[in-house]
Protein backbone atom coordinates (compact mmCIF):
# COMPACT_ATOMS: atom_id res chain seq x y z
CA MET A 1 75.34 119.10 124.31
CA LYS A 2 73.53 122.07 125.87
CA LYS A 3 70.01 122.56 124.55
CA GLY A 4 68.66 126.03 123.69
CA LYS A 5 66.29 128.07 125.88
CA LYS A 6 63.25 127.34 123.67
CA TYR A 7 63.87 123.59 123.96
CA GLN A 8 64.30 123.84 127.75
CA ASP A 9 61.05 125.85 128.00
CA SER A 10 59.28 123.16 125.94
CA VAL A 11 60.56 120.39 128.23
CA LYS A 12 58.96 122.19 131.20
CA LEU A 13 55.54 121.54 129.63
CA LEU A 14 56.08 117.78 129.95
CA GLU A 15 55.66 115.62 133.06
CA LYS A 16 58.83 113.62 133.60
CA GLY A 17 58.35 109.88 133.01
CA LYS A 18 54.68 110.27 131.97
CA LEU A 19 53.22 108.15 129.15
CA TYR A 20 50.61 110.31 127.42
CA ASP A 21 47.35 109.46 125.68
CA PRO A 22 47.74 110.04 121.89
CA ALA A 23 45.42 113.11 121.85
CA ASP A 24 47.30 114.81 124.72
CA ALA A 25 50.70 113.99 123.17
CA LEU A 26 49.73 115.49 119.80
CA ASP A 27 48.36 118.59 121.51
CA LEU A 28 51.67 118.96 123.36
CA VAL A 29 53.78 118.37 120.24
CA CYS A 30 52.10 121.41 118.64
CA LYS A 31 52.73 123.52 121.75
CA THR A 32 56.41 122.51 121.92
CA ALA A 33 57.06 123.35 118.23
CA THR A 34 58.30 126.90 118.79
CA ALA A 35 60.80 127.33 115.94
CA LYS A 36 60.38 130.15 113.41
CA PHE A 37 59.66 127.62 110.64
CA ASP A 38 56.80 125.11 110.34
CA GLU A 39 58.29 122.09 112.09
CA THR A 40 57.73 118.55 110.85
CA VAL A 41 56.15 116.19 113.39
CA GLU A 42 57.72 112.74 113.40
CA LEU A 43 56.56 109.46 114.90
CA HIS A 44 59.14 107.00 116.24
CA VAL A 45 57.93 103.47 117.04
CA LYS A 46 60.21 100.86 118.62
CA LEU A 47 58.97 97.33 117.93
CA GLY A 48 59.56 94.04 119.72
CA VAL A 49 60.90 92.30 116.62
CA ASP A 50 64.34 91.47 115.24
CA SER A 51 64.77 93.02 111.78
CA ARG A 52 67.75 90.74 111.08
CA HIS A 53 65.25 87.91 110.49
CA ALA A 54 63.31 87.93 107.21
CA ASP A 55 60.14 86.69 108.93
CA GLN A 56 60.20 89.64 111.36
CA GLN A 57 60.46 92.46 108.85
CA VAL A 58 57.89 95.25 109.14
CA ARG A 59 57.50 97.48 106.12
CA GLY A 60 54.76 98.86 103.96
CA ALA A 61 53.09 102.08 102.89
CA VAL A 62 50.07 104.05 103.97
CA VAL A 63 48.28 107.16 102.64
CA LEU A 64 48.06 109.78 105.40
CA PRO A 65 44.50 111.22 105.22
CA ASN A 66 45.77 114.77 105.82
CA GLY A 67 48.95 114.54 103.73
CA THR A 68 52.48 115.26 104.93
CA GLY A 69 52.51 119.02 104.33
CA LYS A 70 55.51 118.50 102.08
CA ASP A 71 55.74 118.91 98.30
CA VAL A 72 57.05 115.48 97.28
CA ARG A 73 59.24 115.22 94.17
CA VAL A 74 58.65 111.95 92.28
CA LEU A 75 61.08 110.37 89.83
CA VAL A 76 59.66 107.65 87.55
CA PHE A 77 61.61 105.05 85.60
CA ALA A 78 59.41 104.16 82.63
CA ARG A 79 59.44 103.96 78.83
CA GLU A 80 57.14 105.00 75.98
CA GLY A 81 53.42 104.91 76.90
CA LYS A 82 54.09 104.45 80.63
CA ALA A 83 56.48 107.43 80.54
CA ASP A 84 53.72 109.54 78.94
CA GLU A 85 51.28 108.37 81.66
CA ALA A 86 53.77 109.36 84.36
CA LYS A 87 54.27 112.84 82.88
CA ALA A 88 50.50 113.35 82.60
CA ALA A 89 50.06 112.26 86.25
CA GLY A 90 52.46 114.95 87.47
CA ALA A 91 55.78 113.12 87.91
CA ASP A 92 58.65 115.57 88.39
CA TYR A 93 61.20 113.50 86.43
CA VAL A 94 60.59 110.68 83.96
CA GLY A 95 63.16 108.65 82.07
CA ALA A 96 65.17 105.44 81.76
CA GLU A 97 68.93 104.71 81.43
CA GLU A 98 69.80 108.43 81.17
CA LEU A 99 68.35 109.10 84.66
CA ALA A 100 70.21 106.13 86.16
CA GLN A 101 73.41 107.47 84.56
CA LYS A 102 72.76 110.99 85.95
CA ILE A 103 72.28 109.60 89.49
CA GLN A 104 75.42 107.47 89.18
CA SER A 105 77.80 109.98 87.57
CA GLU A 106 76.56 113.28 89.05
CA ASN A 107 75.41 112.05 92.50
CA TRP A 108 72.07 113.69 91.63
CA PHE A 109 69.27 113.38 94.18
CA ASP A 110 66.75 116.17 93.49
CA PHE A 111 63.82 113.84 94.26
CA ASP A 112 62.13 112.25 97.28
CA VAL A 113 60.50 109.05 95.95
CA VAL A 114 61.35 106.69 93.07
CA VAL A 115 58.66 104.77 91.17
CA ALA A 116 59.44 102.18 88.48
CA THR A 117 57.48 99.99 86.10
CA PRO A 118 58.38 96.29 86.55
CA ASP A 119 60.24 96.14 83.21
CA MET A 120 62.59 98.94 84.38
CA MET A 121 63.87 97.10 87.47
CA GLY A 122 66.88 95.78 85.53
CA VAL A 123 68.00 99.38 84.97
CA VAL A 124 67.12 100.49 88.52
CA GLY A 125 68.88 97.43 89.99
CA ARG A 126 72.21 98.69 88.61
CA ILE A 127 72.02 101.71 90.93
CA GLY A 128 70.47 99.78 93.84
CA ARG A 129 73.59 100.18 95.98
CA ILE A 130 73.24 103.98 95.60
CA LEU A 131 69.45 104.19 96.09
CA GLY A 132 69.18 101.50 98.79
CA PRO A 133 71.11 103.22 101.62
CA LYS A 134 69.07 106.41 101.04
CA GLY A 135 65.78 104.50 101.32
CA LEU A 136 64.94 105.34 97.69
CA MET A 137 64.91 101.87 96.12
CA PRO A 138 61.48 101.11 94.57
CA ASN A 139 59.72 98.19 96.22
CA PRO A 140 56.54 96.27 95.29
CA LYS A 141 55.42 96.17 98.98
CA ALA A 142 55.47 99.96 99.09
CA GLY A 143 53.61 100.17 95.77
CA THR A 144 56.55 101.88 94.06
CA VAL A 145 57.18 99.03 91.59
CA THR A 146 53.97 99.01 89.58
CA PRO A 147 52.59 99.15 86.03
CA ASP A 148 49.99 101.68 87.30
CA VAL A 149 52.34 104.66 87.54
CA ALA A 150 49.51 107.22 87.49
CA LYS A 151 47.91 105.73 90.62
CA ALA A 152 51.29 105.49 92.41
CA ILE A 153 52.08 109.15 91.66
CA ALA A 154 48.61 110.34 92.77
CA GLU A 155 48.91 108.49 96.10
CA ILE A 156 52.44 109.75 96.78
CA LYS A 157 51.51 113.35 95.97
CA SER A 158 48.44 113.13 98.23
CA GLY A 159 50.38 111.90 101.28
CA LYS A 160 51.49 108.28 100.87
CA ILE A 161 54.51 107.43 103.00
CA GLU A 162 56.59 104.31 103.37
CA TYR A 163 57.40 102.87 106.79
CA ARG A 164 60.18 100.38 107.51
CA LEU A 165 62.37 99.24 110.38
CA ASP A 166 65.88 100.57 110.84
CA LYS A 167 68.70 98.46 112.32
CA SER A 168 67.53 99.31 115.85
CA ASN A 169 64.01 97.96 115.09
CA ILE A 170 62.56 101.48 115.08
CA ILE A 171 60.22 103.02 112.49
CA HIS A 172 60.71 106.76 111.89
CA CYS A 173 58.00 108.55 109.86
CA PRO A 174 56.73 112.11 109.35
CA ILE A 175 53.02 112.51 110.17
CA GLY A 176 52.61 116.15 109.12
CA LYS A 177 53.52 119.67 110.17
CA ALA A 178 53.02 121.40 113.52
CA SER A 179 50.69 123.90 111.76
CA PHE A 180 48.24 121.03 111.04
CA GLY A 181 47.05 121.15 114.65
CA ALA A 182 46.38 118.19 116.95
CA GLU A 183 43.22 116.96 115.18
CA LYS A 184 44.74 116.55 111.70
CA LEU A 185 47.91 115.06 113.18
CA ALA A 186 45.73 112.58 115.07
CA GLY A 187 44.13 111.40 111.80
CA ASN A 188 47.57 110.77 110.31
CA PHE A 189 48.88 109.19 113.52
CA GLU A 190 45.95 106.75 113.64
CA ALA A 191 46.38 105.78 109.97
CA LEU A 192 50.08 105.04 110.40
CA MET A 193 49.77 103.23 113.75
CA SER A 194 46.90 101.11 112.44
CA ALA A 195 49.06 100.03 109.45
CA VAL A 196 52.04 99.22 111.70
CA ILE A 197 49.86 97.17 114.09
CA LYS A 198 48.28 95.27 111.17
CA ALA A 199 51.76 94.53 109.80
CA LYS A 200 52.78 92.64 112.97
CA PRO A 201 54.71 89.54 111.83
CA ALA A 202 53.43 86.14 112.99
CA ALA A 203 56.96 85.41 114.27
CA ALA A 204 56.94 88.42 116.64
CA LYS A 205 56.87 87.32 120.29
CA GLY A 206 56.13 89.29 123.45
CA GLN A 207 55.22 92.99 123.51
CA TYR A 208 55.01 94.28 119.92
CA LEU A 209 54.82 98.05 120.59
CA ARG A 210 57.80 98.72 122.88
CA SER A 211 57.73 102.52 122.75
CA VAL A 212 55.88 105.20 120.77
CA THR A 213 57.21 108.77 120.68
CA VAL A 214 56.20 111.93 118.81
CA ALA A 215 58.46 114.94 118.38
CA SER A 216 58.66 118.07 116.27
CA THR A 217 61.89 118.93 114.42
CA MET A 218 63.31 121.06 117.24
CA GLY A 219 61.10 119.92 120.13
CA PRO A 220 61.44 117.23 122.81
CA GLY A 221 60.21 113.65 122.41
CA ILE A 222 56.77 113.02 123.94
CA LYS A 223 56.15 109.41 124.94
CA ILE A 224 52.76 107.83 124.22
CA ASN A 225 51.35 104.96 126.26
CA PRO A 226 51.63 101.96 123.84
CA THR A 227 48.96 99.97 125.74
CA LYS A 228 46.40 102.56 124.58
CA LEU A 229 47.15 101.61 120.96
CA ALA A 230 47.44 97.83 120.80
């Protein structure tokens, strides 16, 4: 597939085969984001683990100090007092069986994150096969199954993101917008990388950080030297 002129111009700013220091890579990712919209900057980390084994899973959540630059829509499964707490904390949608039914029958997905109180997991479990593949299933490790819905909503709205391995043992996460500039992106990058490094499973053998790449929505991938991070 032929890449556009802007993309080809961006590639010229990179040295072929070079592994960049994080600060230089984040400076370059801002320079190569030349689209007319504010591009999202994503971090892609390939790990030396095998996600097929339960003892080599890497997943968790981290609050990005500078947020994601995105307005996150939160759906909360809760009843009575907890539902009132969720509404007061700024949840976009709050409900119980009726929301599960809406998702199931209308294929409705006008939300980005799902939070549930522990007592609602029976209801949420019924639509697990719909939420799971979209990465929307609430999970205690990510702090999205919790009795403290107000705290969960506040963290998500202020920039909490979940990271997890895909089938290729790669973590893909947004770390902000190109308009943030290199310094703010660096704060978010460090927070996420620190969490991923801390989450290294005891069963992981050999080199843990295989490759680390940052890229804007329309820009080229910029490779970071993983030995500078471990």
